[in-house]
């Protein structure tokens, strides 16, 4: 699969005198990330947009972010424009983002829905109201998907733990692990725009729209959204209790939300959040394959062990 600068993620292209760092990361298996998603991510990192446009824009984005923070000190709840925010994001992604960037964004909501569904299905009898997000096109994002994504994660944690507390129990490994909700393969999305203006990589897009998120939403909504990026470790711990193994916790690099980071770092942490989610989903996909093959779920199990 070629990236935007013409390289190929092809092992045969290896030159020991000039090793390609992106090829090394593409072939690396330390994180069980879908290879299509990995190619989209690395292609963006090696794009002109990421290497030249983003460093140029960062001072202006930071200055705008400061102005938004000052505004939010005065107006805590105004403006509150989730509808125009999502329409603006849709327009920007459709007009300027690469197909790879847009695929990663659409994937994120789908895999996030599946990760929460996995916990719910294996948590035993719990009362959790779910709002699954399954966008298949960029137009679907206009339905307040970004805001609902943040609400979903907080509501899920509150409702899960409230239900477990009422029953006087904690999460534990089920008798039979249910991985039916985990998609093993590519998600089917509508054809994504690929015109001459679609050149912006995912990190540049994220860092540009993060201050807009802060401007269009009330202060509490933005702070909640920024802090939610550190809930990856919380979700991973729930999964560890269900699986009976904490191996996948080594994938998580976003820090624990008990020590929140500055909202000025939200763009970078959103990239880490996406990576964490891909790693967790990839691990669950690997376990699903092992379960289907009758292998022990833990790859470190001794030979002869059964699932």
C-alpha atoms as a PDB file:
ATOM      1  CA  UNK A   1       0.000   0.000   0.000  1.00  0.00           C
ATOM      2  CA  UNK A   2       1.731   3.231  -1.077  1.00  0.00           C
ATOM      3  CA  UNK A   3       1.829   6.262   1.137  1.00  0.00           C
ATOM      4  CA  UNK A   4       1.548   9.860   0.007  1.00  0.00           C
ATOM      5  CA  UNK A   5       5.262  10.176  -0.761  1.00  0.00           C
ATOM      6  CA  UNK A   6       5.339   7.078  -2.955  1.00  0.00           C
ATOM      7  CA  UNK A   7       6.954   4.648  -0.526  1.00  0.00           C
ATOM      8  CA  UNK A   8       5.549   1.139  -0.213  1.00  0.00           C
ATOM      9  CA  UNK A   9       5.065  -0.821   2.996  1.00  0.00           C
ATOM     10  CA  UNK A  10       6.745  -3.747   1.320  1.00  0.00           C
ATOM     11  CA  UNK A  11       9.318  -5.978   3.068  1.00  0.00           C
ATOM     12  CA  UNK A  12      11.034  -6.444  -0.285  1.00  0.00           C
ATOM     13  CA  UNK A  13      11.789  -2.712  -0.342  1.00  0.00           C
ATOM     14  CA  UNK A  14      14.121  -3.105   2.658  1.00  0.00           C
ATOM     15  CA  UNK A  15      17.545  -1.556   2.148  1.00  0.00           C
ATOM     16  CA  UNK A  16      19.919  -2.284   5.068  1.00  0.00           C
ATOM     17  CA  UNK A  17      22.035   0.718   4.070  1.00  0.00           C
ATOM     18  CA  UNK A  18      19.028   3.042   4.241  1.00  0.00           C
ATOM     19  CA  UNK A  19      16.317   1.376   6.375  1.00  0.00           C
ATOM     20  CA  UNK A  20      12.922   3.058   6.121  1.00  0.00           C
ATOM     21  CA  UNK A  21      11.681   3.944   9.653  1.00  0.00           C
ATOM     22  CA  UNK A  22       8.052   3.724   8.510  1.00  0.00           C
ATOM     23  CA  UNK A  23       8.602   0.242   7.078  1.00  0.00           C
ATOM     24  CA  UNK A  24      10.109  -0.794  10.427  1.00  0.00           C
ATOM     25  CA  UNK A  25       7.049   0.440  12.304  1.00  0.00           C
ATOM     26  CA  UNK A  26       4.686  -1.115   9.770  1.00  0.00           C
ATOM     27  CA  UNK A  27       6.309  -4.551  10.116  1.00  0.00           C
ATOM     28  CA  UNK A  28       6.661  -4.267  13.902  1.00  0.00           C
ATOM     29  CA  UNK A  29       4.208  -6.474  15.829  1.00  0.00           C
ATOM     30  CA  UNK A  30       4.702  -5.085  19.334  1.00  0.00           C
ATOM     31  CA  UNK A  31       1.209  -3.564  19.072  1.00  0.00           C
ATOM     32  CA  UNK A  32      -1.508  -5.766  17.522  1.00  0.00           C
ATOM     33  CA  UNK A  33      -2.852  -2.962  15.326  1.00  0.00           C
ATOM     34  CA  UNK A  34      -4.791  -3.634  12.131  1.00  0.00           C
ATOM     35  CA  UNK A  35      -2.344  -3.332   9.223  1.00  0.00           C
ATOM     36  CA  UNK A  36      -4.698  -1.157   7.182  1.00  0.00           C
ATOM     37  CA  UNK A  37      -5.081   1.288  10.070  1.00  0.00           C
ATOM     38  CA  UNK A  38      -1.339   1.219  10.675  1.00  0.00           C
ATOM     39  CA  UNK A  39      -0.621   2.037   7.023  1.00  0.00           C
ATOM     40  CA  UNK A  40      -3.076   4.951   7.139  1.00  0.00           C
ATOM     41  CA  UNK A  41      -1.494   6.288  10.329  1.00  0.00           C
ATOM     42  CA  UNK A  42       2.121   5.980   9.153  1.00  0.00           C
ATOM     43  CA  UNK A  43       1.311   7.436   5.751  1.00  0.00           C
ATOM     44  CA  UNK A  44      -0.033  10.503   7.507  1.00  0.00           C
ATOM     45  CA  UNK A  45       3.085  10.822   9.646  1.00  0.00           C
ATOM     46  CA  UNK A  46       5.270  10.794   6.538  1.00  0.00           C
ATOM     47  CA  UNK A  47       3.132  13.264   4.594  1.00  0.00           C
ATOM     48  CA  UNK A  48       4.011  16.829   3.653  1.00  0.00           C
ATOM     49  CA  UNK A  49       1.017  17.954   5.701  1.00  0.00           C
ATOM     50  CA  UNK A  50       2.360  16.400   8.915  1.00  0.00           C
ATOM     51  CA  UNK A  51       6.010  17.327   8.357  1.00  0.00           C
ATOM     52  CA  UNK A  52       5.647  20.887   7.056  1.00  0.00           C
ATOM     53  CA  UNK A  53       2.115  22.268   7.475  1.00  0.00           C
ATOM     54  CA  UNK A  54       1.548  21.204  11.083  1.00  0.00           C
ATOM     55  CA  UNK A  55       4.746  22.777  12.520  1.00  0.00           C
ATOM     56  CA  UNK A  56       3.900  26.022  10.685  1.00  0.00           C
ATOM     57  CA  UNK A  57       0.331  26.098  12.005  1.00  0.00           C
ATOM     58  CA  UNK A  58       1.035  25.097  15.616  1.00  0.00           C
ATOM     59  CA  UNK A  59       1.923  28.610  16.927  1.00  0.00           C
ATOM     60  CA  UNK A  60      -1.287  30.015  15.453  1.00  0.00           C
ATOM     61  CA  UNK A  61      -3.359  27.129  16.813  1.00  0.00           C
ATOM     62  CA  UNK A  62      -1.802  27.611  20.262  1.00  0.00           C
ATOM     63  CA  UNK A  63      -2.510  31.372  20.198  1.00  0.00           C
ATOM     64  CA  UNK A  64      -6.111  30.719  19.183  1.00  0.00           C
ATOM     65  CA  UNK A  65      -6.402  28.131  21.955  1.00  0.00           C
ATOM     66  CA  UNK A  66      -5.280  30.731  24.520  1.00  0.00           C
ATOM     67  CA  UNK A  67      -7.937  33.151  23.289  1.00  0.00           C
ATOM     68  CA  UNK A  68     -10.563  30.437  23.607  1.00  0.00           C
ATOM     69  CA  UNK A  69      -9.437  29.692  27.173  1.00  0.00           C
ATOM     70  CA  UNK A  70      -9.724  33.382  28.068  1.00  0.00           C
ATOM     71  CA  UNK A  71     -13.196  33.471  26.533  1.00  0.00           C
ATOM     72  CA  UNK A  72     -14.202  30.419  28.544  1.00  0.00           C
ATOM     73  CA  UNK A  73     -13.135  32.156  31.774  1.00  0.00           C
ATOM     74  CA  UNK A  74     -15.819  34.750  31.053  1.00  0.00           C
ATOM     75  CA  UNK A  75     -18.498  32.752  29.249  1.00  0.00           C
ATOM     76  CA  UNK A  76     -18.778  29.282  30.755  1.00  0.00           C
ATOM     77  CA  UNK A  77     -21.753  28.088  28.719  1.00  0.00           C
ATOM     78  CA  UNK A  78     -21.800  30.362  25.678  1.00  0.00           C
ATOM     79  CA  UNK A  79     -21.550  29.564  22.880  1.00  0.00           C
ATOM     80  CA  UNK A  80     -23.064  26.065  22.898  1.00  0.00           C
ATOM     81  CA  UNK A  81     -23.198  24.964  19.276  1.00  0.00           C
ATOM     82  CA  UNK A  82     -22.752  21.182  18.964  1.00  0.00           C
ATOM     83  CA  UNK A  83     -24.715  21.081  15.706  1.00  0.00           C
ATOM     84  CA  UNK A  84     -22.606  23.690  13.866  1.00  0.00           C
ATOM     85  CA  UNK A  85     -19.471  22.113  15.390  1.00  0.00           C
ATOM     86  CA  UNK A  86     -20.201  18.719  13.865  1.00  0.00           C
ATOM     87  CA  UNK A  87     -21.200  20.249  10.530  1.00  0.00           C
ATOM     88  CA  UNK A  88     -17.919  22.178  10.498  1.00  0.00           C
ATOM     89  CA  UNK A  89     -15.922  19.037  11.292  1.00  0.00           C
ATOM     90  CA  UNK A  90     -17.763  17.126   8.551  1.00  0.00           C
ATOM     91  CA  UNK A  91     -17.093  19.872   6.020  1.00  0.00           C
ATOM     92  CA  UNK A  92     -13.413  20.124   6.969  1.00  0.00           C
ATOM     93  CA  UNK A  93     -12.795  16.392   6.820  1.00  0.00           C
ATOM     94  CA  UNK A  94     -14.697  15.998   3.560  1.00  0.00           C
ATOM     95  CA  UNK A  95     -12.890  18.916   1.936  1.00  0.00           C
ATOM     96  CA  UNK A  96      -9.324  18.627   3.194  1.00  0.00           C
ATOM     97  CA  UNK A  97      -8.567  15.335   5.003  1.00  0.00           C
ATOM     98  CA  UNK A  98      -6.983  12.363   3.257  1.00  0.00           C
ATOM     99  CA  UNK A  99      -8.966   9.145   2.829  1.00  0.00           C
ATOM    100  CA  UNK A 100      -6.593   7.516   5.335  1.00  0.00           C
ATOM    101  CA  UNK A 101      -7.272  10.174   7.966  1.00  0.00           C
ATOM    102  CA  UNK A 102     -11.010   9.867   7.470  1.00  0.00           C
ATOM    103  CA  UNK A 103     -10.871   6.076   7.648  1.00  0.00           C
ATOM    104  CA  UNK A 104      -9.043   6.262  10.976  1.00  0.00           C
ATOM    105  CA  UNK A 105     -11.638   8.654  12.393  1.00  0.00           C
ATOM    106  CA  UNK A 106     -14.591   6.526  11.288  1.00  0.00           C
ATOM    107  CA  UNK A 107     -12.816   3.374  12.559  1.00  0.00           C
ATOM    108  CA  UNK A 108     -12.307   4.959  15.971  1.00  0.00           C
ATOM    109  CA  UNK A 109     -15.990   5.303  16.757  1.00  0.00           C
ATOM    110  CA  UNK A 110     -16.723   1.780  15.543  1.00  0.00           C
ATOM    111  CA  UNK A 111     -13.956   0.121  17.545  1.00  0.00           C
ATOM    112  CA  UNK A 112     -14.823   2.212  20.605  1.00  0.00           C
ATOM    113  CA  UNK A 113     -18.382   0.920  20.409  1.00  0.00           C
ATOM    114  CA  UNK A 114     -17.120  -2.660  20.141  1.00  0.00           C
ATOM    115  CA  UNK A 115     -14.740  -2.344  23.089  1.00  0.00           C
ATOM    116  CA  UNK A 116     -17.529  -1.086  25.370  1.00  0.00           C
ATOM    117  CA  UNK A 117     -19.859  -3.789  24.025  1.00  0.00           C
ATOM    118  CA  UNK A 118     -17.229  -6.409  24.910  1.00  0.00           C
ATOM    119  CA  UNK A 119     -17.072  -5.247  28.517  1.00  0.00           C
ATOM    120  CA  UNK A 120     -20.839  -5.088  28.804  1.00  0.00           C
ATOM    121  CA  UNK A 121     -21.329  -8.570  27.337  1.00  0.00           C
ATOM    122  CA  UNK A 122     -18.775 -10.122  29.711  1.00  0.00           C
ATOM    123  CA  UNK A 123     -19.585  -8.162  32.868  1.00  0.00           C
ATOM    124  CA  UNK A 124     -22.472 -10.339  33.940  1.00  0.00           C
ATOM    125  CA  UNK A 125     -25.903  -8.865  34.716  1.00  0.00           C
ATOM    126  CA  UNK A 126     -25.461  -5.090  34.614  1.00  0.00           C
ATOM    127  CA  UNK A 127     -27.807  -2.256  33.681  1.00  0.00           C
ATOM    128  CA  UNK A 128     -26.148  -0.057  31.062  1.00  0.00           C
ATOM    129  CA  UNK A 129     -27.983   2.071  28.522  1.00  0.00           C
ATOM    130  CA  UNK A 130     -25.927   2.043  25.347  1.00  0.00           C
ATOM    131  CA  UNK A 131     -25.789   4.403  22.365  1.00  0.00           C
ATOM    132  CA  UNK A 132     -23.641   2.525  19.831  1.00  0.00           C
ATOM    133  CA  UNK A 133     -21.838   4.694  17.300  1.00  0.00           C
ATOM    134  CA  UNK A 134     -21.443   3.045  13.900  1.00  0.00           C
ATOM    135  CA  UNK A 135     -20.705   5.831  11.407  1.00  0.00           C
ATOM    136  CA  UNK A 136     -20.263   4.515   7.883  1.00  0.00           C
ATOM    137  CA  UNK A 137     -19.821   7.870   6.148  1.00  0.00           C
ATOM    138  CA  UNK A 138     -18.475  11.315   7.000  1.00  0.00           C
ATOM    139  CA  UNK A 139     -22.034  12.643   6.841  1.00  0.00           C
ATOM    140  CA  UNK A 140     -22.902  10.375   9.774  1.00  0.00           C
ATOM    141  CA  UNK A 141     -20.544  12.433  11.948  1.00  0.00           C
ATOM    142  CA  UNK A 142     -23.006  15.333  11.880  1.00  0.00           C
ATOM    143  CA  UNK A 143     -25.264  13.426  14.271  1.00  0.00           C
ATOM    144  CA  UNK A 144     -23.288  14.751  17.287  1.00  0.00           C
ATOM    145  CA  UNK A 145     -21.015  11.703  17.084  1.00  0.00           C
ATOM    146  CA  UNK A 146     -17.962  13.333  18.688  1.00  0.00           C
ATOM    147  CA  UNK A 147     -19.964  14.676  21.636  1.00  0.00           C
ATOM    148  CA  UNK A 148     -21.886  11.417  22.071  1.00  0.00           C
ATOM    149  CA  UNK A 149     -18.614   9.487  22.043  1.00  0.00           C
ATOM    150  CA  UNK A 150     -17.489  11.413  25.140  1.00  0.00           C
ATOM    151  CA  UNK A 151     -20.864  11.007  26.849  1.00  0.00           C
ATOM    152  CA  UNK A 152     -20.875   7.273  26.100  1.00  0.00           C
ATOM    153  CA  UNK A 153     -17.628   6.585  27.898  1.00  0.00           C
ATOM    154  CA  UNK A 154     -18.517   8.504  31.075  1.00  0.00           C
ATOM    155  CA  UNK A 155     -22.068   7.167  31.215  1.00  0.00           C
ATOM    156  CA  UNK A 156     -20.757   3.646  30.668  1.00  0.00           C
ATOM    157  CA  UNK A 157     -18.266   3.883  33.543  1.00  0.00           C
ATOM    158  CA  UNK A 158     -20.843   5.379  35.919  1.00  0.00           C
ATOM    159  CA  UNK A 159     -23.609   2.912  35.051  1.00  0.00           C
ATOM    160  CA  UNK A 160     -21.289  -0.115  35.069  1.00  0.00           C
ATOM    161  CA  UNK A 161     -19.813   0.640  38.468  1.00  0.00           C
ATOM    162  CA  UNK A 162     -23.131   1.722  39.971  1.00  0.00           C
ATOM    163  CA  UNK A 163     -24.602  -1.617  38.909  1.00  0.00           C
ATOM    164  CA  UNK A 164     -21.618  -3.607  40.202  1.00  0.00           C
ATOM    165  CA  UNK A 165     -21.710  -1.759  43.546  1.00  0.00           C
ATOM    166  CA  UNK A 166     -25.404  -2.469  43.954  1.00  0.00           C
ATOM    167  CA  UNK A 167     -24.631  -6.179  43.507  1.00  0.00           C
ATOM    168  CA  UNK A 168     -21.600  -6.105  45.800  1.00  0.00           C
ATOM    169  CA  UNK A 169     -19.256  -7.573  43.214  1.00  0.00           C
ATOM    170  CA  UNK A 170     -16.476  -6.698  40.787  1.00  0.00           C
ATOM    171  CA  UNK A 171     -15.645  -7.704  37.243  1.00  0.00           C
ATOM    172  CA  UNK A 172     -14.161 -11.178  36.888  1.00  0.00           C
ATOM    173  CA  UNK A 173     -13.451 -13.693  34.095  1.00  0.00           C
ATOM    174  CA  UNK A 174     -16.703 -15.189  32.729  1.00  0.00           C
ATOM    175  CA  UNK A 175     -17.165 -18.915  32.190  1.00  0.00           C
ATOM    176  CA  UNK A 176     -17.220 -18.346  28.413  1.00  0.00           C
ATOM    177  CA  UNK A 177     -15.698 -15.234  26.916  1.00  0.00           C
ATOM    178  CA  UNK A 178     -17.985 -13.500  24.406  1.00  0.00           C
ATOM    179  CA  UNK A 179     -16.033 -11.906  21.534  1.00  0.00           C
ATOM    180  CA  UNK A 180     -18.865 -11.938  19.014  1.00  0.00           C
ATOM    181  CA  UNK A 181     -19.047  -8.137  18.836  1.00  0.00           C
ATOM    182  CA  UNK A 182     -15.411  -7.706  17.759  1.00  0.00           C
ATOM    183  CA  UNK A 183     -15.042  -7.148  14.013  1.00  0.00           C
ATOM    184  CA  UNK A 184     -12.267  -9.253  12.523  1.00  0.00           C
ATOM    185  CA  UNK A 185     -11.620  -7.523   9.233  1.00  0.00           C
ATOM    186  CA  UNK A 186     -12.076  -4.172   7.563  1.00  0.00           C
ATOM    187  CA  UNK A 187     -15.035  -1.945   8.352  1.00  0.00           C
ATOM    188  CA  UNK A 188     -17.167  -1.105   5.363  1.00  0.00           C
ATOM    189  CA  UNK A 189     -17.342   2.650   4.834  1.00  0.00           C
ATOM    190  CA  UNK A 190     -18.867   4.665   2.043  1.00  0.00           C
ATOM    191  CA  UNK A 191     -16.396   5.911  -0.551  1.00  0.00           C
ATOM    192  CA  UNK A 192     -14.302   8.683   0.969  1.00  0.00           C
ATOM    193  CA  UNK A 193     -13.398  11.893  -0.898  1.00  0.00           C
ATOM    194  CA  UNK A 194      -9.984  11.871  -2.568  1.00  0.00           C
ATOM    195  CA  UNK A 195      -9.721  15.141  -4.464  1.00  0.00           C
ATOM    196  CA  UNK A 196      -6.802  17.495  -4.980  1.00  0.00           C
ATOM    197  CA  UNK A 197      -7.522  19.282  -1.691  1.00  0.00           C
ATOM    198  CA  UNK A 198      -7.670  16.095   0.377  1.00  0.00           C
ATOM    199  CA  UNK A 199      -4.096  16.282   1.660  1.00  0.00           C
ATOM    200  CA  UNK A 200      -4.368  16.883   5.429  1.00  0.00           C
ATOM    201  CA  UNK A 201      -3.192  14.030   7.678  1.00  0.00           C
ATOM    202  CA  UNK A 202      -5.062  12.949  10.787  1.00  0.00           C
ATOM    203  CA  UNK A 203      -2.806  14.621  13.380  1.00  0.00           C
ATOM    204  CA  UNK A 204      -2.928  17.984  11.617  1.00  0.00           C
ATOM    205  CA  UNK A 205      -6.717  17.700  11.328  1.00  0.00           C
ATOM    206  CA  UNK A 206      -7.044  16.832  15.023  1.00  0.00           C
ATOM    207  CA  UNK A 207      -4.833  19.665  16.225  1.00  0.00           C
ATOM    208  CA  UNK A 208      -6.746  22.132  14.063  1.00  0.00           C
ATOM    209  CA  UNK A 209     -10.203  21.145  15.210  1.00  0.00           C
ATOM    210  CA  UNK A 210      -9.372  20.742  18.945  1.00  0.00           C
ATOM    211  CA  UNK A 211      -9.557  24.501  19.722  1.00  0.00           C
ATOM    212  CA  UNK A 212     -12.751  24.692  17.639  1.00  0.00           C
ATOM    213  CA  UNK A 213     -14.155  21.967  19.891  1.00  0.00           C
ATOM    214  CA  UNK A 214     -13.311  24.165  22.888  1.00  0.00           C
ATOM    215  CA  UNK A 215     -14.890  27.225  21.252  1.00  0.00           C
ATOM    216  CA  UNK A 216     -18.161  25.646  20.095  1.00  0.00           C
ATOM    217  CA  UNK A 217     -18.922  23.723  23.296  1.00  0.00           C
ATOM    218  CA  UNK A 218     -19.491  24.904  26.894  1.00  0.00           C
ATOM    219  CA  UNK A 219     -16.462  24.734  29.172  1.00  0.00           C
ATOM    220  CA  UNK A 220     -17.669  21.655  31.068  1.00  0.00           C
ATOM    221  CA  UNK A 221     -18.253  19.731  27.830  1.00  0.00           C
ATOM    222  CA  UNK A 222     -14.760  20.453  26.523  1.00  0.00           C
ATOM    223  CA  UNK A 223     -12.988  19.717  29.812  1.00  0.00           C
ATOM    224  CA  UNK A 224     -14.925  16.454  30.102  1.00  0.00           C
ATOM    225  CA  UNK A 225     -13.978  15.549  26.538  1.00  0.00           C
ATOM    226  CA  UNK A 226     -10.297  16.361  27.125  1.00  0.00           C
ATOM    227  CA  UNK A 227     -10.156  14.342  30.363  1.00  0.00           C
ATOM    228  CA  UNK A 228     -11.935  11.394  28.725  1.00  0.00           C
ATOM    229  CA  UNK A 229      -8.824  10.844  26.614  1.00  0.00           C
ATOM    230  CA  UNK A 230      -7.103   9.431  29.704  1.00  0.00           C
ATOM    231  CA  UNK A 231      -9.821   6.862  30.377  1.00  0.00           C
ATOM    232  CA  UNK A 232      -8.039   4.337  28.149  1.00  0.00           C
ATOM    233  CA  UNK A 233      -6.246   2.907  31.168  1.00  0.00           C
ATOM    234  CA  UNK A 234      -9.516   2.620  33.093  1.00  0.00           C
ATOM    235  CA  UNK A 235     -11.133   0.684  30.246  1.00  0.00           C
ATOM    236  CA  UNK A 236      -8.043  -1.480  29.849  1.00  0.00           C
ATOM    237  CA  UNK A 237      -8.152  -2.393  33.557  1.00  0.00           C
ATOM    238  CA  UNK A 238     -11.789  -3.476  33.203  1.00  0.00           C
ATOM    239  CA  UNK A 239     -10.763  -5.692  30.297  1.00  0.00           C
ATOM    240  CA  UNK A 240      -7.864  -7.096  32.349  1.00  0.00           C
ATOM    241  CA  UNK A 241     -10.311  -8.150  35.078  1.00  0.00           C
ATOM    242  CA  UNK A 242     -12.477  -9.877  32.481  1.00  0.00           C
ATOM    243  CA  UNK A 243      -9.580 -11.602  30.712  1.00  0.00           C
ATOM    244  CA  UNK A 244      -7.673 -12.488  33.873  1.00  0.00           C
ATOM    245  CA  UNK A 245      -4.486 -11.081  32.329  1.00  0.00           C
ATOM    246  CA  UNK A 246      -2.962  -7.610  32.245  1.00  0.00           C
ATOM    247  CA  UNK A 247      -0.648  -8.075  29.259  1.00  0.00           C
ATOM    248  CA  UNK A 248      -2.526  -5.530  27.122  1.00  0.00           C
ATOM    249  CA  UNK A 249      -2.012  -2.803  29.748  1.00  0.00           C
ATOM    250  CA  UNK A 250       1.477  -2.381  28.295  1.00  0.00           C
ATOM    251  CA  UNK A 251      -0.201  -0.909  25.196  1.00  0.00           C
ATOM    252  CA  UNK A 252      -1.681   2.033  27.095  1.00  0.00           C
ATOM    253  CA  UNK A 253       0.339   5.256  26.989  1.00  0.00           C
ATOM    254  CA  UNK A 254      -2.199   7.977  27.776  1.00  0.00           C
ATOM    255  CA  UNK A 255      -1.874   8.169  31.559  1.00  0.00           C
ATOM    256  CA  UNK A 256      -4.469   7.614  34.283  1.00  0.00           C
ATOM    257  CA  UNK A 257      -7.308  10.175  34.595  1.00  0.00           C
ATOM    258  CA  UNK A 258      -6.783  10.493  38.351  1.00  0.00           C
ATOM    259  CA  UNK A 259      -3.941  12.832  37.363  1.00  0.00           C
ATOM    260  CA  UNK A 260      -5.478  14.926  34.552  1.00  0.00           C
ATOM    261  CA  UNK A 261      -3.211  16.679  32.099  1.00  0.00           C
ATOM    262  CA  UNK A 262      -3.561  20.167  30.636  1.00  0.00           C
ATOM    263  CA  UNK A 263      -6.263  20.686  28.029  1.00  0.00           C
ATOM    264  CA  UNK A 264      -3.565  22.335  25.891  1.00  0.00           C
ATOM    265  CA  UNK A 265      -2.234  18.807  25.312  1.00  0.00           C
ATOM    266  CA  UNK A 266      -5.594  17.507  24.093  1.00  0.00           C
ATOM    267  CA  UNK A 267      -4.526  17.212  20.443  1.00  0.00           C
ATOM    268  CA  UNK A 268      -1.517  15.030  21.231  1.00  0.00           C
ATOM    269  CA  UNK A 269      -3.464  12.960  23.764  1.00  0.00           C
ATOM    270  CA  UNK A 270      -6.202  12.407  21.212  1.00  0.00           C
ATOM    271  CA  UNK A 271      -3.602  10.770  18.965  1.00  0.00           C
ATOM    272  CA  UNK A 272      -2.508   8.559  21.880  1.00  0.00           C
ATOM    273  CA  UNK A 273      -6.158   7.783  22.619  1.00  0.00           C
ATOM    274  CA  UNK A 274      -6.633   6.566  19.058  1.00  0.00           C
ATOM    275  CA  UNK A 275      -3.501   4.418  19.308  1.00  0.00           C
ATOM    276  CA  UNK A 276      -4.607   2.943  22.641  1.00  0.00           C
ATOM    277  CA  UNK A 277      -8.035   2.068  21.240  1.00  0.00           C
ATOM    278  CA  UNK A 278      -6.511   0.424  18.171  1.00  0.00           C
ATOM    279  CA  UNK A 279      -4.167  -1.600  20.388  1.00  0.00           C
ATOM    280  CA  UNK A 280      -6.957  -2.834  22.667  1.00  0.00           C
ATOM    281  CA  UNK A 281      -9.250  -3.672  19.764  1.00  0.00           C
ATOM    282  CA  UNK A 282      -6.403  -5.431  17.967  1.00  0.00           C
ATOM    283  CA  UNK A 283      -5.711  -7.536  21.068  1.00  0.00           C
ATOM    284  CA  UNK A 284      -9.359  -8.543  21.361  1.00  0.00           C
ATOM    285  CA  UNK A 285      -9.365  -9.388  17.638  1.00  0.00           C
ATOM    286  CA  UNK A 286      -6.334 -11.627  18.189  1.00  0.00           C
ATOM    287  CA  UNK A 287      -8.082 -13.363  21.089  1.00  0.00           C
ATOM    288  CA  UNK A 288     -11.167 -13.878  18.922  1.00  0.00           C
ATOM    289  CA  UNK A 289      -9.040 -15.633  16.299  1.00  0.00           C
ATOM    290  CA  UNK A 290      -7.400 -17.832  18.920  1.00  0.00           C
ATOM    291  CA  UNK A 291     -10.781 -18.717  20.406  1.00  0.00           C
ATOM    292  CA  UNK A 292     -12.118 -19.673  16.957  1.00  0.00           C
ATOM    293  CA  UNK A 293      -9.053 -21.877  16.384  1.00  0.00           C
ATOM    294  CA  UNK A 294      -9.469 -23.619  19.739  1.00  0.00           C
ATOM    295  CA  UNK A 295      -6.197 -22.179  21.058  1.00  0.00           C
ATOM    296  CA  UNK A 296      -5.659 -20.863  24.594  1.00  0.00           C
ATOM    297  CA  UNK A 297      -6.624 -17.203  24.765  1.00  0.00           C
ATOM    298  CA  UNK A 298      -3.331 -16.314  26.418  1.00  0.00           C
ATOM    299  CA  UNK A 299      -0.612 -16.612  23.720  1.00  0.00           C
ATOM    300  CA  UNK A 300       1.896 -17.258  26.529  1.00  0.00           C
ATOM    301  CA  UNK A 301       0.107 -20.435  27.628  1.00  0.00           C
ATOM    302  CA  UNK A 302       2.244 -23.579  27.489  1.00  0.00           C
ATOM    303  CA  UNK A 303       1.850 -25.990  24.534  1.00  0.00           C
ATOM    304  CA  UNK A 304      -1.077 -28.354  24.896  1.00  0.00           C
ATOM    305  CA  UNK A 305      -3.203 -25.938  26.905  1.00  0.00           C
ATOM    306  CA  UNK A 306      -6.819 -25.555  25.782  1.00  0.00           C
ATOM    307  CA  UNK A 307      -8.990 -22.480  25.411  1.00  0.00           C
END
